[in-house]
């Protein structure tokens, strides 16, 4: 069968695209390597709560149930994505890993563990969280040190007795450090000064204010968009700030080297640890796309609002694909609608 569109990835970006494709009544299928919808959310750490309220945590066409001003848990989002697929009868094939994508004369060919597929258009919606990134020098730590990437961390019961170092000053690192500090000694290594923003101002979410002030609509080419893009992400909420003030969490600068059970930092200090949690982000892996012309020298897709130079091949859900919220639940639908208009 020759599909009009094959979508790779059934996360929030893939489902948003599925919603738009259903409205166009196109012949399409979403392929996903997971065993269930929402698996990537369900597998994250137990206490994860979004910093966007329910009002700003929904995909097109279906609101997230519950009190609009409250902040949903990761399990709520996982269940919501599963419900979303059912409500709109989006065709999804699970347990399907795409191993290679080729362009032939008149169509794209996808090779998977479930066989081969052909289509006129491909939309890659695998998102920014593909392969955990851990610095190479982590390998110098003793095998007796428990090392976890933040994507592997679930709760403090996983950890050994003794000091824990969380490496990475993003919101995940901050939330994990705060949670662990209730039970053990915690150090947090950051590479730059931490900026904080409140979750709420008055009775409104800060994202309500962002929306009214046009921050959420600022695109990557605007002065506001460029300013925000080149600033480190802030920490939402003040839990970390309070724990640092009470010294329940001790701040450390950037990690430079590791050796056996000791970690060294940029300020020439060092620390003996029993656990290290690498909240150091993710890296993209597009090696399975056998179309070199659409990537730059470091393997990042070359695109204009998700549209590549290869006709019929697009991306959706990339960070700053066009706006600040392009990789977030609230913003991905905006980009999906744009791609639909351009493709069809």
C-alpha atoms as a PDB file:
ATOM      1  CA  UNK A   1       0.000   0.000   0.000  1.00  0.00           C
ATOM      2  CA  UNK A   2       1.181   3.512  -0.812  1.00  0.00           C
ATOM      3  CA  UNK A   3       0.188   5.838   2.036  1.00  0.00           C
ATOM      4  CA  UNK A   4      -0.364   9.544   1.586  1.00  0.00           C
ATOM      5  CA  UNK A   5       1.556  10.122   4.833  1.00  0.00           C
ATOM      6  CA  UNK A   6       3.546   8.084   7.312  1.00  0.00           C
ATOM      7  CA  UNK A   7       4.180   9.728  10.686  1.00  0.00           C
ATOM      8  CA  UNK A   8       7.089   8.456  12.777  1.00  0.00           C
ATOM      9  CA  UNK A   9       6.406   8.795  16.496  1.00  0.00           C
ATOM     10  CA  UNK A  10       3.109   8.742  18.401  1.00  0.00           C
ATOM     11  CA  UNK A  11       3.942  11.251  21.111  1.00  0.00           C
ATOM     12  CA  UNK A  12       2.299  14.644  21.438  1.00  0.00           C
ATOM     13  CA  UNK A  13       3.653  15.830  18.065  1.00  0.00           C
ATOM     14  CA  UNK A  14       2.588  12.675  16.211  1.00  0.00           C
ATOM     15  CA  UNK A  15      -0.884  12.737  17.723  1.00  0.00           C
ATOM     16  CA  UNK A  16      -1.327  16.427  16.872  1.00  0.00           C
ATOM     17  CA  UNK A  17      -0.395  15.642  13.301  1.00  0.00           C
ATOM     18  CA  UNK A  18      -2.750  12.652  13.335  1.00  0.00           C
ATOM     19  CA  UNK A  19      -5.589  14.941  14.409  1.00  0.00           C
ATOM     20  CA  UNK A  20      -4.876  17.320  11.502  1.00  0.00           C
ATOM     21  CA  UNK A  21      -4.511  14.471   8.982  1.00  0.00           C
ATOM     22  CA  UNK A  22      -7.862  12.966  10.059  1.00  0.00           C
ATOM     23  CA  UNK A  23      -9.571  16.257   9.293  1.00  0.00           C
ATOM     24  CA  UNK A  24      -8.042  16.162   5.796  1.00  0.00           C
ATOM     25  CA  UNK A  25      -9.274  12.555   5.348  1.00  0.00           C
ATOM     26  CA  UNK A  26      -5.882  11.402   4.120  1.00  0.00           C
ATOM     27  CA  UNK A  27      -4.641   7.831   4.044  1.00  0.00           C
ATOM     28  CA  UNK A  28      -2.006   7.785   6.802  1.00  0.00           C
ATOM     29  CA  UNK A  29      -0.485   5.702   9.583  1.00  0.00           C
ATOM     30  CA  UNK A  30       1.560   6.602  12.668  1.00  0.00           C
ATOM     31  CA  UNK A  31       4.410   4.245  13.545  1.00  0.00           C
ATOM     32  CA  UNK A  32       5.752   4.120  17.102  1.00  0.00           C
ATOM     33  CA  UNK A  33       8.342   1.894  18.775  1.00  0.00           C
ATOM     34  CA  UNK A  34       6.538   1.923  22.134  1.00  0.00           C
ATOM     35  CA  UNK A  35       4.183  -0.744  23.426  1.00  0.00           C
ATOM     36  CA  UNK A  36       1.501   1.788  24.416  1.00  0.00           C
ATOM     37  CA  UNK A  37       0.518   5.401  23.798  1.00  0.00           C
ATOM     38  CA  UNK A  38       2.058   7.795  26.314  1.00  0.00           C
ATOM     39  CA  UNK A  39       4.846   5.388  27.283  1.00  0.00           C
ATOM     40  CA  UNK A  40       7.544   8.092  27.297  1.00  0.00           C
ATOM     41  CA  UNK A  41       5.589  10.099  29.881  1.00  0.00           C
ATOM     42  CA  UNK A  42       4.685   7.072  31.966  1.00  0.00           C
ATOM     43  CA  UNK A  43       8.339   6.021  32.205  1.00  0.00           C
ATOM     44  CA  UNK A  44       9.583   9.303  33.676  1.00  0.00           C
ATOM     45  CA  UNK A  45      10.211   9.870  37.381  1.00  0.00           C
ATOM     46  CA  UNK A  46       7.285   9.218  39.703  1.00  0.00           C
ATOM     47  CA  UNK A  47       6.878  12.724  41.122  1.00  0.00           C
ATOM     48  CA  UNK A  48       7.077  14.600  37.807  1.00  0.00           C
ATOM     49  CA  UNK A  49       4.560  17.427  37.585  1.00  0.00           C
ATOM     50  CA  UNK A  50       4.310  19.788  34.634  1.00  0.00           C
ATOM     51  CA  UNK A  51       5.011  23.477  35.179  1.00  0.00           C
ATOM     52  CA  UNK A  52       2.265  24.367  32.696  1.00  0.00           C
ATOM     53  CA  UNK A  53      -1.306  24.233  34.142  1.00  0.00           C
ATOM     54  CA  UNK A  54      -3.992  22.150  32.454  1.00  0.00           C
ATOM     55  CA  UNK A  55      -5.130  25.177  30.441  1.00  0.00           C
ATOM     56  CA  UNK A  56      -1.774  25.112  28.644  1.00  0.00           C
ATOM     57  CA  UNK A  57      -1.250  21.337  28.562  1.00  0.00           C
ATOM     58  CA  UNK A  58      -3.725  20.193  25.910  1.00  0.00           C
ATOM     59  CA  UNK A  59      -3.524  19.205  22.256  1.00  0.00           C
ATOM     60  CA  UNK A  60      -5.899  20.534  19.547  1.00  0.00           C
ATOM     61  CA  UNK A  61      -9.516  19.485  19.839  1.00  0.00           C
ATOM     62  CA  UNK A  62      -9.545  17.922  23.324  1.00  0.00           C
ATOM     63  CA  UNK A  63      -9.065  19.676  26.661  1.00  0.00           C
ATOM     64  CA  UNK A  64      -7.273  17.968  29.522  1.00  0.00           C
ATOM     65  CA  UNK A  65      -9.863  17.209  32.215  1.00  0.00           C
ATOM     66  CA  UNK A  66      -9.551  18.616  35.716  1.00  0.00           C
ATOM     67  CA  UNK A  67      -9.130  21.965  37.436  1.00  0.00           C
ATOM     68  CA  UNK A  68      -7.725  24.285  34.781  1.00  0.00           C
ATOM     69  CA  UNK A  69      -5.359  26.165  37.109  1.00  0.00           C
ATOM     70  CA  UNK A  70      -3.768  23.065  38.625  1.00  0.00           C
ATOM     71  CA  UNK A  71      -0.628  21.335  37.333  1.00  0.00           C
ATOM     72  CA  UNK A  72      -1.044  17.839  35.854  1.00  0.00           C
ATOM     73  CA  UNK A  73       1.132  14.850  36.724  1.00  0.00           C
ATOM     74  CA  UNK A  74       3.056  12.837  34.146  1.00  0.00           C
ATOM     75  CA  UNK A  75       0.584   9.936  34.516  1.00  0.00           C
ATOM     76  CA  UNK A  76      -2.313  12.255  33.721  1.00  0.00           C
ATOM     77  CA  UNK A  77      -0.562  13.317  30.522  1.00  0.00           C
ATOM     78  CA  UNK A  78       0.157   9.699  29.593  1.00  0.00           C
ATOM     79  CA  UNK A  79      -3.518   8.775  30.067  1.00  0.00           C
ATOM     80  CA  UNK A  80      -4.606  11.909  28.199  1.00  0.00           C
ATOM     81  CA  UNK A  81      -2.502  11.022  25.136  1.00  0.00           C
ATOM     82  CA  UNK A  82      -3.959   7.515  25.101  1.00  0.00           C
ATOM     83  CA  UNK A  83      -7.476   8.953  25.330  1.00  0.00           C
ATOM     84  CA  UNK A  84      -6.685  11.468  22.584  1.00  0.00           C
ATOM     85  CA  UNK A  85      -5.760   8.684  20.165  1.00  0.00           C
ATOM     86  CA  UNK A  86      -9.007   6.837  20.954  1.00  0.00           C
ATOM     87  CA  UNK A  87     -11.317   9.862  20.787  1.00  0.00           C
ATOM     88  CA  UNK A  88     -10.132  10.787  17.289  1.00  0.00           C
ATOM     89  CA  UNK A  89      -9.588   7.169  16.099  1.00  0.00           C
ATOM     90  CA  UNK A  90      -6.045   7.952  15.023  1.00  0.00           C
ATOM     91  CA  UNK A  91      -4.455   4.977  13.198  1.00  0.00           C
ATOM     92  CA  UNK A  92      -1.331   3.943  15.117  1.00  0.00           C
ATOM     93  CA  UNK A  93       0.870   0.886  14.828  1.00  0.00           C
ATOM     94  CA  UNK A  94       2.831   0.217  18.032  1.00  0.00           C
ATOM     95  CA  UNK A  95       5.946  -1.903  18.601  1.00  0.00           C
ATOM     96  CA  UNK A  96       7.299  -0.657  15.273  1.00  0.00           C
ATOM     97  CA  UNK A  97      10.867   0.609  15.078  1.00  0.00           C
ATOM     98  CA  UNK A  98      11.919   2.417  11.913  1.00  0.00           C
ATOM     99  CA  UNK A  99      15.475   1.370  11.055  1.00  0.00           C
ATOM    100  CA  UNK A 100      15.931   3.174   7.750  1.00  0.00           C
ATOM    101  CA  UNK A 101      14.257   5.843   5.630  1.00  0.00           C
ATOM    102  CA  UNK A 102      15.118   6.159   1.931  1.00  0.00           C
ATOM    103  CA  UNK A 103      13.825   8.343  -0.864  1.00  0.00           C
ATOM    104  CA  UNK A 104      13.135   6.591  -4.154  1.00  0.00           C
ATOM    105  CA  UNK A 105      11.986   8.187  -7.410  1.00  0.00           C
ATOM    106  CA  UNK A 106       8.318   8.654  -6.606  1.00  0.00           C
ATOM    107  CA  UNK A 107       8.018   7.782  -2.937  1.00  0.00           C
ATOM    108  CA  UNK A 108       9.669   7.289   0.434  1.00  0.00           C
ATOM    109  CA  UNK A 109      10.452   3.786   1.668  1.00  0.00           C
ATOM    110  CA  UNK A 110      10.580   2.979   5.394  1.00  0.00           C
ATOM    111  CA  UNK A 111      12.228  -0.170   6.691  1.00  0.00           C
ATOM    112  CA  UNK A 112      10.999  -1.390  10.076  1.00  0.00           C
ATOM    113  CA  UNK A 113      11.024  -4.461  12.325  1.00  0.00           C
ATOM    114  CA  UNK A 114       7.472  -5.050  11.045  1.00  0.00           C
ATOM    115  CA  UNK A 115       8.279  -4.872   7.343  1.00  0.00           C
ATOM    116  CA  UNK A 116       8.549  -2.191   4.672  1.00  0.00           C
ATOM    117  CA  UNK A 117       6.214   0.767   4.068  1.00  0.00           C
ATOM    118  CA  UNK A 118       5.893   3.236   1.208  1.00  0.00           C
ATOM    119  CA  UNK A 119       4.405   6.714   1.225  1.00  0.00           C
ATOM    120  CA  UNK A 120       4.277  10.038  -0.587  1.00  0.00           C
ATOM    121  CA  UNK A 121       5.108  12.104   2.522  1.00  0.00           C
ATOM    122  CA  UNK A 122       6.959  11.477   5.791  1.00  0.00           C
ATOM    123  CA  UNK A 123       6.608  13.525   8.963  1.00  0.00           C
ATOM    124  CA  UNK A 124       9.208  12.821  11.656  1.00  0.00           C
ATOM    125  CA  UNK A 125       7.721  13.479  15.097  1.00  0.00           C
ATOM    126  CA  UNK A 126      10.213  11.665  17.313  1.00  0.00           C
ATOM    127  CA  UNK A 127      10.715  14.778  19.454  1.00  0.00           C
ATOM    128  CA  UNK A 128      13.756  16.220  21.232  1.00  0.00           C
ATOM    129  CA  UNK A 129      14.121  13.460  23.857  1.00  0.00           C
ATOM    130  CA  UNK A 130      15.642  10.628  21.854  1.00  0.00           C
ATOM    131  CA  UNK A 131      18.954   9.465  23.325  1.00  0.00           C
ATOM    132  CA  UNK A 132      20.080  10.352  26.874  1.00  0.00           C
ATOM    133  CA  UNK A 133      23.297  12.359  26.890  1.00  0.00           C
ATOM    134  CA  UNK A 134      25.901  11.512  29.540  1.00  0.00           C
ATOM    135  CA  UNK A 135      29.444  12.979  29.411  1.00  0.00           C
ATOM    136  CA  UNK A 136      32.163  10.504  28.445  1.00  0.00           C
ATOM    137  CA  UNK A 137      34.148  11.150  31.633  1.00  0.00           C
ATOM    138  CA  UNK A 138      31.351   9.446  33.581  1.00  0.00           C
ATOM    139  CA  UNK A 139      33.069   6.199  32.577  1.00  0.00           C
ATOM    140  CA  UNK A 140      35.944   7.037  34.936  1.00  0.00           C
ATOM    141  CA  UNK A 141      33.729   6.553  37.981  1.00  0.00           C
ATOM    142  CA  UNK A 142      33.956   3.321  39.947  1.00  0.00           C
ATOM    143  CA  UNK A 143      31.418   0.591  39.211  1.00  0.00           C
ATOM    144  CA  UNK A 144      30.426   0.927  42.876  1.00  0.00           C
ATOM    145  CA  UNK A 145      28.981   4.373  42.166  1.00  0.00           C
ATOM    146  CA  UNK A 146      25.339   4.253  41.104  1.00  0.00           C
ATOM    147  CA  UNK A 147      24.892   6.319  37.952  1.00  0.00           C
ATOM    148  CA  UNK A 148      21.501   7.116  36.448  1.00  0.00           C
ATOM    149  CA  UNK A 149      20.409   9.440  33.702  1.00  0.00           C
ATOM    150  CA  UNK A 150      17.371  11.511  34.703  1.00  0.00           C
ATOM    151  CA  UNK A 151      15.315   9.431  32.238  1.00  0.00           C
ATOM    152  CA  UNK A 152      16.166   6.322  34.323  1.00  0.00           C
ATOM    153  CA  UNK A 153      15.465   7.900  37.705  1.00  0.00           C
ATOM    154  CA  UNK A 154      12.108   6.993  39.272  1.00  0.00           C
ATOM    155  CA  UNK A 155      12.334   7.824  42.995  1.00  0.00           C
ATOM    156  CA  UNK A 156      14.859   8.004  45.893  1.00  0.00           C
ATOM    157  CA  UNK A 157      14.443   4.304  46.733  1.00  0.00           C
ATOM    158  CA  UNK A 158      16.694   3.475  43.753  1.00  0.00           C
ATOM    159  CA  UNK A 159      19.686   5.168  45.361  1.00  0.00           C
ATOM    160  CA  UNK A 160      22.446   3.817  47.550  1.00  0.00           C
ATOM    161  CA  UNK A 161      23.192   5.213  50.981  1.00  0.00           C
ATOM    162  CA  UNK A 162      25.502   8.191  50.904  1.00  0.00           C
ATOM    163  CA  UNK A 163      25.908  11.464  49.066  1.00  0.00           C
ATOM    164  CA  UNK A 164      24.038  12.098  45.826  1.00  0.00           C
ATOM    165  CA  UNK A 165      25.182  14.506  43.126  1.00  0.00           C
ATOM    166  CA  UNK A 166      22.656  15.741  40.563  1.00  0.00           C
ATOM    167  CA  UNK A 167      24.370  17.145  37.469  1.00  0.00           C
ATOM    168  CA  UNK A 168      22.342  19.627  35.422  1.00  0.00           C
ATOM    169  CA  UNK A 169      20.442  22.776  36.331  1.00  0.00           C
ATOM    170  CA  UNK A 170      17.271  22.411  34.274  1.00  0.00           C
ATOM    171  CA  UNK A 171      13.794  21.895  35.669  1.00  0.00           C
ATOM    172  CA  UNK A 172      14.149  18.092  35.807  1.00  0.00           C
ATOM    173  CA  UNK A 173      17.446  18.330  37.688  1.00  0.00           C
ATOM    174  CA  UNK A 174      15.938  20.864  40.079  1.00  0.00           C
ATOM    175  CA  UNK A 175      12.840  18.747  40.802  1.00  0.00           C
ATOM    176  CA  UNK A 176      14.886  15.583  41.304  1.00  0.00           C
ATOM    177  CA  UNK A 177      17.394  17.319  43.614  1.00  0.00           C
ATOM    178  CA  UNK A 178      14.579  18.772  45.737  1.00  0.00           C
ATOM    179  CA  UNK A 179      12.878  15.383  46.063  1.00  0.00           C
ATOM    180  CA  UNK A 180      16.067  13.550  47.045  1.00  0.00           C
ATOM    181  CA  UNK A 181      17.098  16.251  49.535  1.00  0.00           C
ATOM    182  CA  UNK A 182      14.214  15.248  51.802  1.00  0.00           C
ATOM    183  CA  UNK A 183      15.987  11.946  52.513  1.00  0.00           C
ATOM    184  CA  UNK A 184      19.759  12.389  52.003  1.00  0.00           C
ATOM    185  CA  UNK A 185      22.671  14.752  51.337  1.00  0.00           C
ATOM    186  CA  UNK A 186      22.361  16.279  47.879  1.00  0.00           C
ATOM    187  CA  UNK A 187      24.663  18.429  45.780  1.00  0.00           C
ATOM    188  CA  UNK A 188      23.542  20.082  42.535  1.00  0.00           C
ATOM    189  CA  UNK A 189      26.077  20.881  39.828  1.00  0.00           C
ATOM    190  CA  UNK A 190      25.151  23.691  37.439  1.00  0.00           C
ATOM    191  CA  UNK A 191      27.090  25.344  34.637  1.00  0.00           C
ATOM    192  CA  UNK A 192      25.566  28.805  34.927  1.00  0.00           C
ATOM    193  CA  UNK A 193      23.678  30.991  37.412  1.00  0.00           C
ATOM    194  CA  UNK A 194      20.153  29.769  38.141  1.00  0.00           C
ATOM    195  CA  UNK A 195      17.230  31.999  37.164  1.00  0.00           C
ATOM    196  CA  UNK A 196      13.882  31.473  38.850  1.00  0.00           C
ATOM    197  CA  UNK A 197      10.373  32.331  37.717  1.00  0.00           C
ATOM    198  CA  UNK A 198       7.207  31.923  39.790  1.00  0.00           C
ATOM    199  CA  UNK A 199       4.629  29.361  38.728  1.00  0.00           C
ATOM    200  CA  UNK A 200       1.874  31.883  39.484  1.00  0.00           C
ATOM    201  CA  UNK A 201       1.597  35.656  39.618  1.00  0.00           C
ATOM    202  CA  UNK A 202      -1.470  36.683  41.584  1.00  0.00           C
ATOM    203  CA  UNK A 203      -4.175  34.151  40.820  1.00  0.00           C
ATOM    204  CA  UNK A 204      -2.886  33.431  37.306  1.00  0.00           C
ATOM    205  CA  UNK A 205      -0.285  31.010  35.959  1.00  0.00           C
ATOM    206  CA  UNK A 206       2.829  32.693  34.620  1.00  0.00           C
ATOM    207  CA  UNK A 207       1.944  31.055  31.297  1.00  0.00           C
ATOM    208  CA  UNK A 208      -1.323  33.034  31.303  1.00  0.00           C
ATOM    209  CA  UNK A 209       0.779  36.185  31.565  1.00  0.00           C
ATOM    210  CA  UNK A 210       3.169  34.920  28.879  1.00  0.00           C
ATOM    211  CA  UNK A 211       0.166  34.342  26.631  1.00  0.00           C
ATOM    212  CA  UNK A 212      -1.328  37.796  27.218  1.00  0.00           C
ATOM    213  CA  UNK A 213       2.033  39.505  26.723  1.00  0.00           C
ATOM    214  CA  UNK A 214       2.670  37.657  23.453  1.00  0.00           C
ATOM    215  CA  UNK A 215       5.675  35.701  24.721  1.00  0.00           C
ATOM    216  CA  UNK A 216       4.174  32.340  23.722  1.00  0.00           C
ATOM    217  CA  UNK A 217       3.533  33.653  20.210  1.00  0.00           C
ATOM    218  CA  UNK A 218       7.012  35.133  19.724  1.00  0.00           C
ATOM    219  CA  UNK A 219       8.615  33.306  16.808  1.00  0.00           C
ATOM    220  CA  UNK A 220      12.219  32.295  16.382  1.00  0.00           C
ATOM    221  CA  UNK A 221      12.898  35.130  13.925  1.00  0.00           C
ATOM    222  CA  UNK A 222      11.597  37.916  16.163  1.00  0.00           C
ATOM    223  CA  UNK A 223      13.737  39.979  18.556  1.00  0.00           C
ATOM    224  CA  UNK A 224      11.800  38.620  21.539  1.00  0.00           C
ATOM    225  CA  UNK A 225      12.124  35.051  20.255  1.00  0.00           C
ATOM    226  CA  UNK A 226      15.879  35.382  19.687  1.00  0.00           C
ATOM    227  CA  UNK A 227      16.339  36.891  23.159  1.00  0.00           C
ATOM    228  CA  UNK A 228      14.452  34.042  24.861  1.00  0.00           C
ATOM    229  CA  UNK A 229      16.056  31.308  22.747  1.00  0.00           C
ATOM    230  CA  UNK A 230      19.580  32.326  23.734  1.00  0.00           C
ATOM    231  CA  UNK A 231      18.800  32.529  27.451  1.00  0.00           C
ATOM    232  CA  UNK A 232      19.087  29.416  29.646  1.00  0.00           C
ATOM    233  CA  UNK A 233      15.710  27.991  30.603  1.00  0.00           C
ATOM    234  CA  UNK A 234      14.534  29.322  33.980  1.00  0.00           C
ATOM    235  CA  UNK A 235      13.570  27.134  36.929  1.00  0.00           C
ATOM    236  CA  UNK A 236       9.833  27.423  37.492  1.00  0.00           C
ATOM    237  CA  UNK A 237       8.869  27.678  41.162  1.00  0.00           C
ATOM    238  CA  UNK A 238      10.989  28.384  44.244  1.00  0.00           C
ATOM    239  CA  UNK A 239      11.361  24.960  45.903  1.00  0.00           C
ATOM    240  CA  UNK A 240      14.990  24.677  44.823  1.00  0.00           C
ATOM    241  CA  UNK A 241      15.744  28.217  45.967  1.00  0.00           C
ATOM    242  CA  UNK A 242      14.379  27.422  49.441  1.00  0.00           C
ATOM    243  CA  UNK A 243      16.385  24.183  49.674  1.00  0.00           C
ATOM    244  CA  UNK A 244      19.554  25.994  48.667  1.00  0.00           C
ATOM    245  CA  UNK A 245      18.927  28.716  51.232  1.00  0.00           C
ATOM    246  CA  UNK A 246      18.443  26.146  54.005  1.00  0.00           C
ATOM    247  CA  UNK A 247      21.501  24.239  52.695  1.00  0.00           C
ATOM    248  CA  UNK A 248      19.484  21.063  52.281  1.00  0.00           C
ATOM    249  CA  UNK A 249      20.983  21.202  48.786  1.00  0.00           C
ATOM    250  CA  UNK A 250      24.527  22.457  48.207  1.00  0.00           C
ATOM    251  CA  UNK A 251      25.283  24.085  44.879  1.00  0.00           C
ATOM    252  CA  UNK A 252      28.443  23.166  42.953  1.00  0.00           C
ATOM    253  CA  UNK A 253      29.809  24.529  39.654  1.00  0.00           C
ATOM    254  CA  UNK A 254      30.199  22.567  36.434  1.00  0.00           C
ATOM    255  CA  UNK A 255      31.687  19.065  36.631  1.00  0.00           C
ATOM    256  CA  UNK A 256      35.062  18.831  34.884  1.00  0.00           C
ATOM    257  CA  UNK A 257      36.391  15.321  35.622  1.00  0.00           C
ATOM    258  CA  UNK A 258      35.631  12.120  37.508  1.00  0.00           C
ATOM    259  CA  UNK A 259      37.953   9.556  39.068  1.00  0.00           C
ATOM    260  CA  UNK A 260      36.812   6.425  40.943  1.00  0.00           C
ATOM    261  CA  UNK A 261      34.398   7.745  43.601  1.00  0.00           C
ATOM    262  CA  UNK A 262      35.369  11.418  43.289  1.00  0.00           C
ATOM    263  CA  UNK A 263      33.944  14.168  41.102  1.00  0.00           C
ATOM    264  CA  UNK A 264      35.886  17.378  40.444  1.00  0.00           C
ATOM    265  CA  UNK A 265      34.418  20.780  39.625  1.00  0.00           C
ATOM    266  CA  UNK A 266      35.330  23.946  37.757  1.00  0.00           C
ATOM    267  CA  UNK A 267      36.356  25.756  40.958  1.00  0.00           C
ATOM    268  CA  UNK A 268      39.026  23.102  41.720  1.00  0.00           C
ATOM    269  CA  UNK A 269      36.959  21.490  44.498  1.00  0.00           C
ATOM    270  CA  UNK A 270      35.980  17.828  44.541  1.00  0.00           C
ATOM    271  CA  UNK A 271      33.425  15.572  46.174  1.00  0.00           C
ATOM    272  CA  UNK A 272      33.136  11.900  47.082  1.00  0.00           C
ATOM    273  CA  UNK A 273      29.800  10.503  45.958  1.00  0.00           C
ATOM    274  CA  UNK A 274      27.759   7.316  46.178  1.00  0.00           C
ATOM    275  CA  UNK A 275      25.194   8.293  43.512  1.00  0.00           C
ATOM    276  CA  UNK A 276      25.264  10.494  40.429  1.00  0.00           C
ATOM    277  CA  UNK A 277      22.147  11.485  38.498  1.00  0.00           C
ATOM    278  CA  UNK A 278      23.003  12.922  35.100  1.00  0.00           C
ATOM    279  CA  UNK A 279      20.241  15.418  34.290  1.00  0.00           C
ATOM    280  CA  UNK A 280      22.262  16.434  31.271  1.00  0.00           C
ATOM    281  CA  UNK A 281      19.618  16.316  28.596  1.00  0.00           C
ATOM    282  CA  UNK A 282      19.262  14.368  25.392  1.00  0.00           C
ATOM    283  CA  UNK A 283      20.741  14.247  21.917  1.00  0.00           C
ATOM    284  CA  UNK A 284      19.042  13.588  18.608  1.00  0.00           C
ATOM    285  CA  UNK A 285      19.735  10.475  16.568  1.00  0.00           C
ATOM    286  CA  UNK A 286      18.713  10.627  12.920  1.00  0.00           C
ATOM    287  CA  UNK A 287      21.216   8.094  11.580  1.00  0.00           C
ATOM    288  CA  UNK A 288      18.314   6.006  10.318  1.00  0.00           C
ATOM    289  CA  UNK A 289      17.361   8.749   7.830  1.00  0.00           C
ATOM    290  CA  UNK A 290      19.411   7.970   4.723  1.00  0.00           C
ATOM    291  CA  UNK A 291      19.016  11.435   3.185  1.00  0.00           C
ATOM    292  CA  UNK A 292      22.203  13.342   4.148  1.00  0.00           C
ATOM    293  CA  UNK A 293      21.263  16.545   2.323  1.00  0.00           C
ATOM    294  CA  UNK A 294      18.673  17.550   4.941  1.00  0.00           C
ATOM    295  CA  UNK A 295      21.183  17.696   7.819  1.00  0.00           C
ATOM    296  CA  UNK A 296      23.982  20.067   8.779  1.00  0.00           C
ATOM    297  CA  UNK A 297      27.502  18.961   9.727  1.00  0.00           C
ATOM    298  CA  UNK A 298      26.464  17.982  13.285  1.00  0.00           C
ATOM    299  CA  UNK A 299      23.371  16.050  12.218  1.00  0.00           C
ATOM    300  CA  UNK A 300      20.731  18.662  12.991  1.00  0.00           C
ATOM    301  CA  UNK A 301      17.818  18.884  10.515  1.00  0.00           C
ATOM    302  CA  UNK A 302      17.928  21.821   8.102  1.00  0.00           C
ATOM    303  CA  UNK A 303      14.386  23.138   7.819  1.00  0.00           C
ATOM    304  CA  UNK A 304      12.101  26.131   7.565  1.00  0.00           C
ATOM    305  CA  UNK A 305       9.318  25.731  10.121  1.00  0.00           C
ATOM    306  CA  UNK A 306       9.729  21.955   9.862  1.00  0.00           C
ATOM    307  CA  UNK A 307       9.837  21.778   6.064  1.00  0.00           C
ATOM    308  CA  UNK A 308      13.082  20.376   4.651  1.00  0.00           C
ATOM    309  CA  UNK A 309      14.626  20.776   1.200  1.00  0.00           C
ATOM    310  CA  UNK A 310      13.481  17.236   0.374  1.00  0.00           C
ATOM    311  CA  UNK A 311       9.932  17.596  -0.906  1.00  0.00           C
ATOM    312  CA  UNK A 312       7.509  15.623   1.245  1.00  0.00           C
ATOM    313  CA  UNK A 313       9.836  15.212   4.258  1.00  0.00           C
ATOM    314  CA  UNK A 314       9.033  17.297   7.338  1.00  0.00           C
ATOM    315  CA  UNK A 315       9.744  17.461  11.057  1.00  0.00           C
ATOM    316  CA  UNK A 316       7.365  18.340  13.872  1.00  0.00           C
ATOM    317  CA  UNK A 317       7.952  18.877  17.588  1.00  0.00           C
ATOM    318  CA  UNK A 318      11.504  20.252  17.387  1.00  0.00           C
ATOM    319  CA  UNK A 319      12.555  22.782  20.051  1.00  0.00           C
ATOM    320  CA  UNK A 320      11.994  26.261  18.654  1.00  0.00           C
ATOM    321  CA  UNK A 321      10.719  24.822  15.374  1.00  0.00           C
ATOM    322  CA  UNK A 322       9.000  28.166  15.093  1.00  0.00           C
ATOM    323  CA  UNK A 323       7.957  29.302  18.579  1.00  0.00           C
ATOM    324  CA  UNK A 324       8.963  28.779  22.212  1.00  0.00           C
ATOM    325  CA  UNK A 325       6.217  26.192  22.641  1.00  0.00           C
ATOM    326  CA  UNK A 326       6.949  24.160  19.493  1.00  0.00           C
ATOM    327  CA  UNK A 327       8.107  21.151  21.529  1.00  0.00           C
ATOM    328  CA  UNK A 328       5.426  21.563  24.225  1.00  0.00           C
ATOM    329  CA  UNK A 329       1.903  20.177  24.462  1.00  0.00           C
ATOM    330  CA  UNK A 330       0.285  23.575  24.099  1.00  0.00           C
ATOM    331  CA  UNK A 331       2.288  24.712  21.080  1.00  0.00           C
ATOM    332  CA  UNK A 332       2.846  21.673  18.887  1.00  0.00           C
ATOM    333  CA  UNK A 333      -0.639  21.789  17.338  1.00  0.00           C
ATOM    334  CA  UNK A 334       0.057  25.246  15.936  1.00  0.00           C
ATOM    335  CA  UNK A 335       3.016  23.903  13.951  1.00  0.00           C
ATOM    336  CA  UNK A 336       1.067  20.812  12.869  1.00  0.00           C
ATOM    337  CA  UNK A 337      -1.644  22.961  11.302  1.00  0.00           C
ATOM    338  CA  UNK A 338       0.987  24.992   9.463  1.00  0.00           C
ATOM    339  CA  UNK A 339       2.593  21.871   7.972  1.00  0.00           C
ATOM    340  CA  UNK A 340      -0.780  20.534   6.824  1.00  0.00           C
ATOM    341  CA  UNK A 341      -1.520  23.784   4.987  1.00  0.00           C
ATOM    342  CA  UNK A 342       1.872  23.728   3.287  1.00  0.00           C
ATOM    343  CA  UNK A 343       1.816  20.031   2.339  1.00  0.00           C
ATOM    344  CA  UNK A 344      -1.780  19.700   1.201  1.00  0.00           C
END
